[in-house]
Protein backbone atom coordinates (compact mmCIF):
# COMPACT_ATOMS: atom_id res chain seq x y z
CA UNK A 1 -6.89 42.79 -68.03
CA UNK A 2 -7.45 45.58 -65.56
CA UNK A 3 -7.68 49.09 -66.91
CA UNK A 4 -5.91 51.83 -65.06
CA UNK A 5 -7.16 55.37 -65.13
CA UNK A 6 -4.58 58.08 -64.93
CA UNK A 7 -5.95 61.13 -63.26
CA UNK A 8 -4.15 64.38 -63.16
CA UNK A 9 -3.83 65.46 -59.58
CA UNK A 10 -4.12 69.15 -58.94
CA UNK A 11 -3.64 70.41 -55.43
CA UNK A 12 -4.12 73.98 -54.40
CA UNK A 13 -2.27 75.41 -51.49
CA UNK A 14 -3.66 78.37 -49.65
CA UNK A 15 -0.66 80.69 -49.33
CA UNK A 16 -0.94 84.32 -48.39
CA UNK A 17 -0.05 87.03 -50.85
CA UNK A 18 2.87 88.05 -48.64
CA UNK A 19 4.27 84.50 -48.63
CA UNK A 20 3.88 84.33 -52.41
CA UNK A 21 5.78 87.60 -52.83
CA UNK A 22 8.51 86.33 -50.49
CA UNK A 23 8.85 83.08 -52.43
CA UNK A 24 9.03 84.94 -55.77
CA UNK A 25 11.67 87.27 -54.32
CA UNK A 26 13.79 84.36 -53.05
CA UNK A 27 13.54 82.52 -56.35
CA UNK A 28 14.51 85.64 -58.30
CA UNK A 29 17.54 86.14 -56.03
CA UNK A 30 18.59 82.52 -56.47
CA UNK A 31 18.19 82.79 -60.25
CA UNK A 32 20.36 85.92 -60.26
CA UNK A 33 23.02 84.24 -58.12
CA UNK A 34 23.04 81.09 -60.23
CA UNK A 35 23.24 83.12 -63.45
CA UNK A 36 26.31 84.90 -62.09
CA UNK A 37 27.90 81.58 -61.15
CA UNK A 38 27.36 80.29 -64.69
CA UNK A 39 28.87 83.47 -66.16
CA UNK A 40 31.87 83.20 -63.84
CA UNK A 41 32.43 79.57 -64.82
CA UNK A 42 32.20 80.42 -68.51
CA UNK A 43 34.78 83.17 -68.00
CA UNK A 44 37.25 80.73 -66.44
CA UNK A 45 37.78 78.64 -69.57
CA UNK A 46 41.07 77.12 -68.42
CA UNK A 47 39.50 75.51 -65.36
CA UNK A 48 35.98 74.91 -66.62
CA UNK A 49 34.09 72.44 -64.41
CA UNK A 50 31.52 70.99 -66.80
CA UNK A 51 29.62 69.01 -64.16
CA UNK A 52 29.26 72.08 -61.94
CA UNK A 53 28.13 74.13 -64.95
CA UNK A 54 25.48 71.51 -65.76
CA UNK A 55 24.32 71.46 -62.14
CA UNK A 56 23.92 75.24 -62.11
CA UNK A 57 22.00 75.13 -65.41
CA UNK A 58 19.63 72.48 -64.06
CA UNK A 59 19.10 74.51 -60.90
CA UNK A 60 18.36 77.59 -63.02
CA UNK A 61 15.90 75.64 -65.16
CA UNK A 62 13.99 74.28 -62.16
CA UNK A 63 13.81 77.64 -60.39
CA UNK A 64 12.61 79.42 -63.54
CA UNK A 65 9.96 76.75 -64.04
CA UNK A 66 8.79 77.10 -60.44
CA UNK A 67 8.77 80.89 -60.68
CA UNK A 68 6.61 80.63 -63.80
CA UNK A 69 4.06 78.54 -61.91
CA UNK A 70 3.65 80.94 -59.00
CA UNK A 71 0.76 83.37 -59.37
CA UNK A 72 1.60 87.05 -59.55
């Protein structure tokens, strides 16, 4: 039987401080926009689109996770 080694791959990207700030700014704006969309959907209980709500929540989750991984 062949043994397989699982190595964690870590790649570093050389991004300027300005580009990092721009990316953080864009992500924060998207998070704000998505949060407002979720609030608006929750306020419209009679026509609640559950699949759209779930999509927005997943988008929020992924953007928050990415924002947390970007150096300050």
